[in-house]
Amino acid sequence: MTVVDLVGPSRGDVTGLAALAARLRRASTALTAADDVAAVLAAARTVDLAADRLRALPSPPGADAVLEVERALVGDLGAPLAVLTREGNR
């Protein structure tokens, strides 16, 4: 999965990631379990960091630079997603 898969090709990577982070923050307000709220907010911070990393890339970015940001995003989302996908969570 790529950043574009997450946010859609028409949104652009940085814009799409910023929108995704905003949606995650809004979604956190609907949750009641403190662990879930913390995990969603951690995911939002992780997505914000990925957007910042993309913004910091030179233009044009070097070969595999965007993929490196995407790999970091996937790795950094592991912990929050593990909380949200634990057995019994809907």
PDB file of N, CA and C in Angstrom:
ATOM      1  N   MET A   1       0.847  -1.171   0.000  1.00  0.00           N
ATOM      2  CA  MET A   1       0.000   0.000   0.000  1.00  0.00           C
ATOM      3  C   MET A   1       0.894   1.235   0.000  1.00  0.00           C
ATOM      4  N   THR A   2       0.498   2.227  -0.767  1.00  0.00           N
ATOM      5  CA  THR A   2       1.250   3.467  -0.836  1.00  0.00           C
ATOM      6  C   THR A   2       0.458   4.594  -0.190  1.00  0.00           C
ATOM      7  N   VAL A   3       1.107   5.724  -0.013  1.00  0.00           N
ATOM      8  CA  VAL A   3       0.417   6.897   0.518  1.00  0.00           C
ATOM      9  C   VAL A   3      -0.757   7.255  -0.382  1.00  0.00           C
ATOM     10  N   VAL A   4      -0.569   7.181  -1.691  1.00  0.00           N
ATOM     11  CA  VAL A   4      -1.649   7.504  -2.622  1.00  0.00           C
ATOM     12  C   VAL A   4      -2.815   6.532  -2.444  1.00  0.00           C
ATOM     13  N   ASP A   5      -2.523   5.257  -2.139  1.00  0.00           N
ATOM     14  CA  ASP A   5      -3.603   4.310  -1.854  1.00  0.00           C
ATOM     15  C   ASP A   5      -4.420   4.759  -0.646  1.00  0.00           C
ATOM     16  N   LEU A   6      -3.754   5.325   0.350  1.00  0.00           N
ATOM     17  CA  LEU A   6      -4.439   5.775   1.561  1.00  0.00           C
ATOM     18  C   LEU A   6      -5.295   7.002   1.320  1.00  0.00           C
ATOM     19  N   VAL A   7      -4.817   7.926   0.529  1.00  0.00           N
ATOM     20  CA  VAL A   7      -5.462   9.230   0.435  1.00  0.00           C
ATOM     21  C   VAL A   7      -6.133   9.487  -0.905  1.00  0.00           C
ATOM     22  N   GLY A   8      -5.896   8.655  -1.895  1.00  0.00           N
ATOM     23  CA  GLY A   8      -6.490   8.845  -3.215  1.00  0.00           C
ATOM     24  C   GLY A   8      -5.593   9.669  -4.120  1.00  0.00           C
ATOM     25  N   PRO A   9      -5.529   9.315  -5.400  1.00  0.00           N
ATOM     26  CA  PRO A   9      -4.602   9.969  -6.314  1.00  0.00           C
ATOM     27  C   PRO A   9      -4.893  11.446  -6.554  1.00  0.00           C
ATOM     28  N   SER A  10      -6.130  11.879  -6.371  1.00  0.00           N
ATOM     29  CA  SER A  10      -6.450  13.276  -6.651  1.00  0.00           C
ATOM     30  C   SER A  10      -6.093  14.197  -5.505  1.00  0.00           C
ATOM     31  N   ARG A  11      -5.784  13.668  -4.338  1.00  0.00           N
ATOM     32  CA  ARG A  11      -5.528  14.497  -3.173  1.00  0.00           C
ATOM     33  C   ARG A  11      -4.082  14.950  -3.087  1.00  0.00           C
ATOM     34  N   GLY A  12      -3.169  14.247  -3.692  1.00  0.00           N
ATOM     35  CA  GLY A  12      -1.758  14.569  -3.540  1.00  0.00           C
ATOM     36  C   GLY A  12      -1.272  14.040  -2.208  1.00  0.00           C
ATOM     37  N   ASP A  13      -0.041  13.639  -2.134  1.00  0.00           N
ATOM     38  CA  ASP A  13       0.456  12.987  -0.929  1.00  0.00           C
ATOM     39  C   ASP A  13       0.357  13.859   0.319  1.00  0.00           C
ATOM     40  N   VAL A  14       0.928  15.054   0.288  1.00  0.00           N
ATOM     41  CA  VAL A  14       0.956  15.893   1.489  1.00  0.00           C
ATOM     42  C   VAL A  14      -0.450  16.360   1.861  1.00  0.00           C
ATOM     43  N   THR A  15      -1.208  16.824   0.885  1.00  0.00           N
ATOM     44  CA  THR A  15      -2.571  17.277   1.148  1.00  0.00           C
ATOM     45  C   THR A  15      -3.428  16.132   1.662  1.00  0.00           C
ATOM     46  N   GLY A  16      -3.284  14.982   1.057  1.00  0.00           N
ATOM     47  CA  GLY A  16      -4.063  13.825   1.479  1.00  0.00           C
ATOM     48  C   GLY A  16      -3.708  13.367   2.877  1.00  0.00           C
ATOM     49  N   LEU A  17      -2.433  13.381   3.195  1.00  0.00           N
ATOM     50  CA  LEU A  17      -2.022  12.989   4.542  1.00  0.00           C
ATOM     51  C   LEU A  17      -2.532  13.983   5.582  1.00  0.00           C
ATOM     52  N   ALA A  18      -2.494  15.255   5.270  1.00  0.00           N
ATOM     53  CA  ALA A  18      -3.018  16.255   6.204  1.00  0.00           C
ATOM     54  C   ALA A  18      -4.512  16.043   6.422  1.00  0.00           C
ATOM     55  N   ALA A  19      -5.240  15.740   5.354  1.00  0.00           N
ATOM     56  CA  ALA A  19      -6.678  15.477   5.471  1.00  0.00           C
ATOM     57  C   ALA A  19      -6.932  14.216   6.281  1.00  0.00           C
ATOM     58  N   LEU A  20      -6.119  13.187   6.065  1.00  0.00           N
ATOM     59  CA  LEU A  20      -6.264  11.947   6.822  1.00  0.00           C
ATOM     60  C   LEU A  20      -6.016  12.186   8.308  1.00  0.00           C
ATOM     61  N   ALA A  21      -4.991  12.939   8.635  1.00  0.00           N
ATOM     62  CA  ALA A  21      -4.699  13.244  10.045  1.00  0.00           C
ATOM     63  C   ALA A  21      -5.858  14.012  10.681  1.00  0.00           C
ATOM     64  N   ALA A  22      -6.423  14.945   9.949  1.00  0.00           N
ATOM     65  CA  ALA A  22      -7.561  15.709  10.470  1.00  0.00           C
ATOM     66  C   ALA A  22      -8.758  14.789  10.705  1.00  0.00           C
ATOM     67  N   ARG A  23      -9.002  13.873   9.779  1.00  0.00           N
ATOM     68  CA  ARG A  23     -10.113  12.919   9.955  1.00  0.00           C
ATOM     69  C   ARG A  23      -9.886  12.031  11.168  1.00  0.00           C
ATOM     70  N   LEU A  24      -8.656  11.611  11.364  1.00  0.00           N
ATOM     71  CA  LEU A  24      -8.356  10.785  12.539  1.00  0.00           C
ATOM     72  C   LEU A  24      -8.604  11.549  13.834  1.00  0.00           C
ATOM     73  N   ARG A  25      -8.193  12.809  13.876  1.00  0.00           N
ATOM     74  CA  ARG A  25      -8.436  13.603  15.078  1.00  0.00           C
ATOM     75  C   ARG A  25      -9.936  13.772  15.334  1.00  0.00           C
ATOM     76  N   ARG A  26     -10.702  14.013  14.262  1.00  0.00           N
ATOM     77  CA  ARG A  26     -12.158  14.121  14.426  1.00  0.00           C
ATOM     78  C   ARG A  26     -12.747  12.798  14.888  1.00  0.00           C
ATOM     79  N   ALA A  27     -12.265  11.700  14.333  1.00  0.00           N
ATOM     80  CA  ALA A  27     -12.787  10.378  14.712  1.00  0.00           C
ATOM     81  C   ALA A  27     -12.507  10.070  16.174  1.00  0.00           C
ATOM     82  N   SER A  28     -11.404  10.566  16.687  1.00  0.00           N
ATOM     83  CA  SER A  28     -11.050  10.273  18.082  1.00  0.00           C
ATOM     84  C   SER A  28     -12.090  10.824  19.051  1.00  0.00           C
ATOM     85  N   THR A  29     -12.806  11.862  18.650  1.00  0.00           N
ATOM     86  CA  THR A  29     -13.803  12.451  19.540  1.00  0.00           C
ATOM     87  C   THR A  29     -15.028  11.559  19.696  1.00  0.00           C
ATOM     88  N   ALA A  30     -15.218  10.613  18.799  1.00  0.00           N
ATOM     89  CA  ALA A  30     -16.372   9.717  18.868  1.00  0.00           C
ATOM     90  C   ALA A  30     -16.086   8.463  19.694  1.00  0.00           C
ATOM     91  N   LEU A  31     -14.838   8.269  20.061  1.00  0.00           N
ATOM     92  CA  LEU A  31     -14.454   7.058  20.789  1.00  0.00           C
ATOM     93  C   LEU A  31     -14.610   7.267  22.294  1.00  0.00           C
ATOM     94  N   THR A  32     -14.874   6.167  22.992  1.00  0.00           N
ATOM     95  CA  THR A  32     -15.065   6.268  24.442  1.00  0.00           C
ATOM     96  C   THR A  32     -13.920   5.648  25.231  1.00  0.00           C
ATOM     97  N   ALA A  33     -13.267   4.640  24.682  1.00  0.00           N
ATOM     98  CA  ALA A  33     -12.169   3.984  25.398  1.00  0.00           C
ATOM     99  C   ALA A  33     -10.900   4.831  25.295  1.00  0.00           C
ATOM    100  N   ALA A  34     -10.301   5.109  26.434  1.00  0.00           N
ATOM    101  CA  ALA A  34      -9.104   5.956  26.468  1.00  0.00           C
ATOM    102  C   ALA A  34      -7.983   5.388  25.606  1.00  0.00           C
ATOM    103  N   ASP A  35      -7.811   4.077  25.615  1.00  0.00           N
ATOM    104  CA  ASP A  35      -6.764   3.457  24.795  1.00  0.00           C
ATOM    105  C   ASP A  35      -7.007   3.698  23.307  1.00  0.00           C
ATOM    106  N   ASP A  36      -8.269   3.610  22.902  1.00  0.00           N
ATOM    107  CA  ASP A  36      -8.610   3.834  21.499  1.00  0.00           C
ATOM    108  C   ASP A  36      -8.366   5.283  21.100  1.00  0.00           C
ATOM    109  N   VAL A  37      -8.771   6.211  21.954  1.00  0.00           N
ATOM    110  CA  VAL A  37      -8.553   7.633  21.678  1.00  0.00           C
ATOM    111  C   VAL A  37      -7.064   7.905  21.539  1.00  0.00           C
ATOM    112  N   ALA A  38      -6.279   7.394  22.461  1.00  0.00           N
ATOM    113  CA  ALA A  38      -4.828   7.602  22.414  1.00  0.00           C
ATOM    114  C   ALA A  38      -4.224   7.010  21.149  1.00  0.00           C
ATOM    115  N   ALA A  39      -4.699   5.838  20.754  1.00  0.00           N
ATOM    116  CA  ALA A  39      -4.162   5.191  19.549  1.00  0.00           C
ATOM    117  C   ALA A  39      -4.506   5.981  18.298  1.00  0.00           C
ATOM    118  N   VAL A  40      -5.725   6.481  18.211  1.00  0.00           N
ATOM    119  CA  VAL A  40      -6.122   7.248  17.026  1.00  0.00           C
ATOM    120  C   VAL A  40      -5.358   8.571  16.979  1.00  0.00           C
ATOM    121  N   LEU A  41      -5.184   9.209  18.112  1.00  0.00           N
ATOM    122  CA  LEU A  41      -4.405  10.452  18.135  1.00  0.00           C
ATOM    123  C   LEU A  41      -2.934  10.202  17.814  1.00  0.00           C
ATOM    124  N   ALA A  42      -2.402   9.069  18.256  1.00  0.00           N
ATOM    125  CA  ALA A  42      -1.027   8.702  17.905  1.00  0.00           C
ATOM    126  C   ALA A  42      -0.913   8.465  16.403  1.00  0.00           C
ATOM    127  N   ALA A  43      -1.914   7.822  15.829  1.00  0.00           N
ATOM    128  CA  ALA A  43      -1.915   7.605  14.376  1.00  0.00           C
ATOM    129  C   ALA A  43      -1.970   8.944  13.648  1.00  0.00           C
ATOM    130  N   ALA A  44      -2.769   9.883  14.140  1.00  0.00           N
ATOM    131  CA  ALA A  44      -2.851  11.211  13.515  1.00  0.00           C
ATOM    132  C   ALA A  44      -1.500  11.916  13.565  1.00  0.00           C
ATOM    133  N   ARG A  45      -0.821  11.839  14.704  1.00  0.00           N
ATOM    134  CA  ARG A  45       0.519  12.463  14.818  1.00  0.00           C
ATOM    135  C   ARG A  45       1.499  11.801  13.856  1.00  0.00           C
ATOM    136  N   THR A  46       1.394  10.495  13.716  1.00  0.00           N
ATOM    137  CA  THR A  46       2.270   9.759  12.805  1.00  0.00           C
ATOM    138  C   THR A  46       2.039  10.193  11.364  1.00  0.00           C
ATOM    139  N   VAL A  47       0.786  10.355  10.994  1.00  0.00           N
ATOM    140  CA  VAL A  47       0.450  10.792   9.637  1.00  0.00           C
ATOM    141  C   VAL A  47       0.931  12.229   9.425  1.00  0.00           C
ATOM    142  N   ASP A  48       0.757  13.087  10.426  1.00  0.00           N
ATOM    143  CA  ASP A  48       1.277  14.460  10.322  1.00  0.00           C
ATOM    144  C   ASP A  48       2.785  14.460  10.108  1.00  0.00           C
ATOM    145  N   LEU A  49       3.491  13.611  10.823  1.00  0.00           N
ATOM    146  CA  LEU A  49       4.942  13.519  10.680  1.00  0.00           C
ATOM    147  C   LEU A  49       5.324  13.068   9.270  1.00  0.00           C
ATOM    148  N   ALA A  50       4.583  12.125   8.726  1.00  0.00           N
ATOM    149  CA  ALA A  50       4.851  11.676   7.347  1.00  0.00           C
ATOM    150  C   ALA A  50       4.638  12.822   6.366  1.00  0.00           C
ATOM    151  N   ALA A  51       3.594  13.612   6.567  1.00  0.00           N
ATOM    152  CA  ALA A  51       3.362  14.771   5.694  1.00  0.00           C
ATOM    153  C   ALA A  51       4.524  15.754   5.803  1.00  0.00           C
ATOM    154  N   ASP A  52       4.993  15.978   7.020  1.00  0.00           N
ATOM    155  CA  ASP A  52       6.151  16.867   7.208  1.00  0.00           C
ATOM    156  C   ASP A  52       7.387  16.321   6.504  1.00  0.00           C
ATOM    157  N   ARG A  53       7.579  15.011   6.584  1.00  0.00           N
ATOM    158  CA  ARG A  53       8.734  14.401   5.911  1.00  0.00           C
ATOM    159  C   ARG A  53       8.631  14.577   4.403  1.00  0.00           C
ATOM    160  N   LEU A  54       7.416  14.431   3.865  1.00  0.00           N
ATOM    161  CA  LEU A  54       7.244  14.628   2.417  1.00  0.00           C
ATOM    162  C   LEU A  54       7.509  16.081   2.037  1.00  0.00           C
ATOM    163  N   ARG A  55       7.024  17.014   2.845  1.00  0.00           N
ATOM    164  CA  ARG A  55       7.255  18.436   2.563  1.00  0.00           C
ATOM    165  C   ARG A  55       8.738  18.778   2.573  1.00  0.00           C
ATOM    166  N   ALA A  56       9.491  18.080   3.395  1.00  0.00           N
ATOM    167  CA  ALA A  56      10.916  18.374   3.544  1.00  0.00           C
ATOM    168  C   ALA A  56      11.765  17.809   2.409  1.00  0.00           C
ATOM    169  N   LEU A  57      11.187  16.943   1.587  1.00  0.00           N
ATOM    170  CA  LEU A  57      11.962  16.365   0.495  1.00  0.00           C
ATOM    171  C   LEU A  57      12.288  17.435  -0.536  1.00  0.00           C
ATOM    172  N   PRO A  58      13.459  17.330  -1.151  1.00  0.00           N
ATOM    173  CA  PRO A  58      13.793  18.287  -2.214  1.00  0.00           C
ATOM    174  C   PRO A  58      12.896  18.051  -3.421  1.00  0.00           C
ATOM    175  N   SER A  59      12.814  19.051  -4.262  1.00  0.00           N
ATOM    176  CA  SER A  59      12.004  18.915  -5.477  1.00  0.00           C
ATOM    177  C   SER A  59      12.933  18.953  -6.680  1.00  0.00           C
ATOM    178  N   PRO A  60      12.935  17.956  -7.500  1.00  0.00           N
ATOM    179  CA  PRO A  60      12.209  16.692  -7.356  1.00  0.00           C
ATOM    180  C   PRO A  60      12.890  15.805  -6.310  1.00  0.00           C
ATOM    181  N   PRO A  61      12.109  14.946  -5.675  1.00  0.00           N
ATOM    182  CA  PRO A  61      12.705  14.070  -4.657  1.00  0.00           C
ATOM    183  C   PRO A  61      13.635  13.052  -5.293  1.00  0.00           C
ATOM    184  N   GLY A  62      14.615  12.641  -4.525  1.00  0.00           N
ATOM    185  CA  GLY A  62      15.544  11.620  -5.006  1.00  0.00           C
ATOM    186  C   GLY A  62      14.847  10.285  -5.199  1.00  0.00           C
ATOM    187  N   ALA A  63      15.513   9.420  -5.904  1.00  0.00           N
ATOM    188  CA  ALA A  63      14.964   8.085  -6.147  1.00  0.00           C
ATOM    189  C   ALA A  63      14.661   7.410  -4.821  1.00  0.00           C
ATOM    190  N   ASP A  64      13.493   6.860  -4.703  1.00  0.00           N
ATOM    191  CA  ASP A  64      13.030   6.121  -3.519  1.00  0.00           C
ATOM    192  C   ASP A  64      12.807   6.992  -2.285  1.00  0.00           C
ATOM    193  N   ALA A  65      12.901   8.304  -2.383  1.00  0.00           N
ATOM    194  CA  ALA A  65      12.707   9.156  -1.209  1.00  0.00           C
ATOM    195  C   ALA A  65      11.281   9.069  -0.691  1.00  0.00           C
ATOM    196  N   VAL A  66      10.301   9.096  -1.595  1.00  0.00           N
ATOM    197  CA  VAL A  66       8.897   9.000  -1.182  1.00  0.00           C
ATOM    198  C   VAL A  66       8.622   7.617  -0.612  1.00  0.00           C
ATOM    199  N   LEU A  67       9.203   6.596  -1.231  1.00  0.00           N
ATOM    200  CA  LEU A  67       9.015   5.238  -0.704  1.00  0.00           C
ATOM    201  C   LEU A  67       9.587   5.104   0.700  1.00  0.00           C
ATOM    202  N   GLU A  68      10.676   5.781   0.971  1.00  0.00           N
ATOM    203  CA  GLU A  68      11.264   5.750   2.318  1.00  0.00           C
ATOM    204  C   GLU A  68      10.316   6.377   3.335  1.00  0.00           C
ATOM    205  N   VAL A  69       9.693   7.477   2.968  1.00  0.00           N
ATOM    206  CA  VAL A  69       8.698   8.100   3.849  1.00  0.00           C
ATOM    207  C   VAL A  69       7.530   7.140   4.066  1.00  0.00           C
ATOM    208  N   GLU A  70       7.091   6.487   2.997  1.00  0.00           N
ATOM    209  CA  GLU A  70       5.985   5.536   3.110  1.00  0.00           C
ATOM    210  C   GLU A  70       6.349   4.351   3.991  1.00  0.00           C
ATOM    211  N   ARG A  71       7.565   3.861   3.860  1.00  0.00           N
ATOM    212  CA  ARG A  71       7.995   2.745   4.718  1.00  0.00           C
ATOM    213  C   ARG A  71       8.004   3.168   6.186  1.00  0.00           C
ATOM    214  N   ALA A  72       8.482   4.377   6.453  1.00  0.00           N
ATOM    215  CA  ALA A  72       8.488   4.882   7.826  1.00  0.00           C
ATOM    216  C   ALA A  72       7.058   5.030   8.350  1.00  0.00           C
ATOM    217  N   LEU A  73       6.159   5.511   7.511  1.00  0.00           N
ATOM    218  CA  LEU A  73       4.760   5.657   7.914  1.00  0.00           C
ATOM    219  C   LEU A  73       4.157   4.307   8.279  1.00  0.00           C
ATOM    220  N   VAL A  74       4.395   3.327   7.461  1.00  0.00           N
ATOM    221  CA  VAL A  74       3.864   1.985   7.738  1.00  0.00           C
ATOM    222  C   VAL A  74       4.415   1.455   9.055  1.00  0.00           C
ATOM    223  N   GLY A  75       5.717   1.594   9.256  1.00  0.00           N
ATOM    224  CA  GLY A  75       6.327   1.115  10.495  1.00  0.00           C
ATOM    225  C   GLY A  75       5.810   1.854  11.717  1.00  0.00           C
ATOM    226  N   ASP A  76       5.653   3.175  11.594  1.00  0.00           N
ATOM    227  CA  ASP A  76       5.212   3.985  12.719  1.00  0.00           C
ATOM    228  C   ASP A  76       3.743   3.782  13.057  1.00  0.00           C
ATOM    229  N   LEU A  77       2.941   3.366  12.081  1.00  0.00           N
ATOM    230  CA  LEU A  77       1.521   3.118  12.344  1.00  0.00           C
ATOM    231  C   LEU A  77       1.275   1.756  12.996  1.00  0.00           C
ATOM    232  N   GLY A  78       2.288   0.924  13.045  1.00  0.00           N
ATOM    233  CA  GLY A  78       2.118  -0.427  13.584  1.00  0.00           C
ATOM    234  C   GLY A  78       1.566  -0.461  14.992  1.00  0.00           C
ATOM    235  N   ALA A  79       2.133   0.330  15.899  1.00  0.00           N
ATOM    236  CA  ALA A  79       1.702   0.303  17.300  1.00  0.00           C
ATOM    237  C   ALA A  79       0.276   0.821  17.481  1.00  0.00           C
ATOM    238  N   PRO A  80      -0.070   1.994  16.913  1.00  0.00           N
ATOM    239  CA  PRO A  80      -1.454   2.441  17.079  1.00  0.00           C
ATOM    240  C   PRO A  80      -2.468   1.482  16.459  1.00  0.00           C
ATOM    241  N   LEU A  81      -2.140   0.932  15.312  1.00  0.00           N
ATOM    242  CA  LEU A  81      -3.071   0.002  14.670  1.00  0.00           C
ATOM    243  C   LEU A  81      -3.218  -1.285  15.462  1.00  0.00           C
ATOM    244  N   ALA A  82      -2.162  -1.716  16.124  1.00  0.00           N
ATOM    245  CA  ALA A  82      -2.245  -2.922  16.951  1.00  0.00           C
ATOM    246  C   ALA A  82      -3.252  -2.721  18.079  1.00  0.00           C
ATOM    247  N   VAL A  83      -3.293  -1.527  18.653  1.00  0.00           N
ATOM    248  CA  VAL A  83      -4.271  -1.234  19.702  1.00  0.00           C
ATOM    249  C   VAL A  83      -5.678  -1.265  19.124  1.00  0.00           C
ATOM    250  N   LEU A  84      -5.851  -0.670  17.961  1.00  0.00           N
ATOM    251  CA  LEU A  84      -7.179  -0.546  17.382  1.00  0.00           C
ATOM    252  C   LEU A  84      -7.712  -1.840  16.788  1.00  0.00           C
ATOM    253  N   THR A  85      -6.839  -2.765  16.489  1.00  0.00           N
ATOM    254  CA  THR A  85      -7.282  -4.029  15.885  1.00  0.00           C
ATOM    255  C   THR A  85      -7.216  -5.194  16.856  1.00  0.00           C
ATOM    256  N   ARG A  86      -7.038  -4.902  18.133  1.00  0.00           N
ATOM    257  CA  ARG A  86      -6.973  -5.987  19.100  1.00  0.00           C
ATOM    258  C   ARG A  86      -8.311  -6.750  19.103  1.00  0.00           C
ATOM    259  N   GLU A  87      -8.256  -7.974  19.526  1.00  0.00           N
ATOM    260  CA  GLU A  87      -9.445  -8.826  19.508  1.00  0.00           C
ATOM    261  C   GLU A  87     -10.556  -8.184  20.338  1.00  0.00           C
ATOM    262  N   GLY A  88     -11.745  -8.164  19.788  1.00  0.00           N
ATOM    263  CA  GLY A  88     -12.888  -7.619  20.488  1.00  0.00           C
ATOM    264  C   GLY A  88     -13.158  -6.168  20.171  1.00  0.00           C
ATOM    265  N   ASN A  89     -12.220  -5.475  19.538  1.00  0.00           N
ATOM    266  CA  ASN A  89     -12.434  -4.096  19.165  1.00  0.00           C
ATOM    267  C   ASN A  89     -13.215  -4.057  17.868  1.00  0.00           C
ATOM    268  N   ARG A  90     -14.172  -3.218  17.791  1.00  0.00           N
ATOM    269  CA  ARG A  90     -14.964  -3.106  16.568  1.00  0.00           C
ATOM    270  C   ARG A  90     -14.751  -1.744  16.014  1.00  0.00           C
TER     271      ARG A  90
END
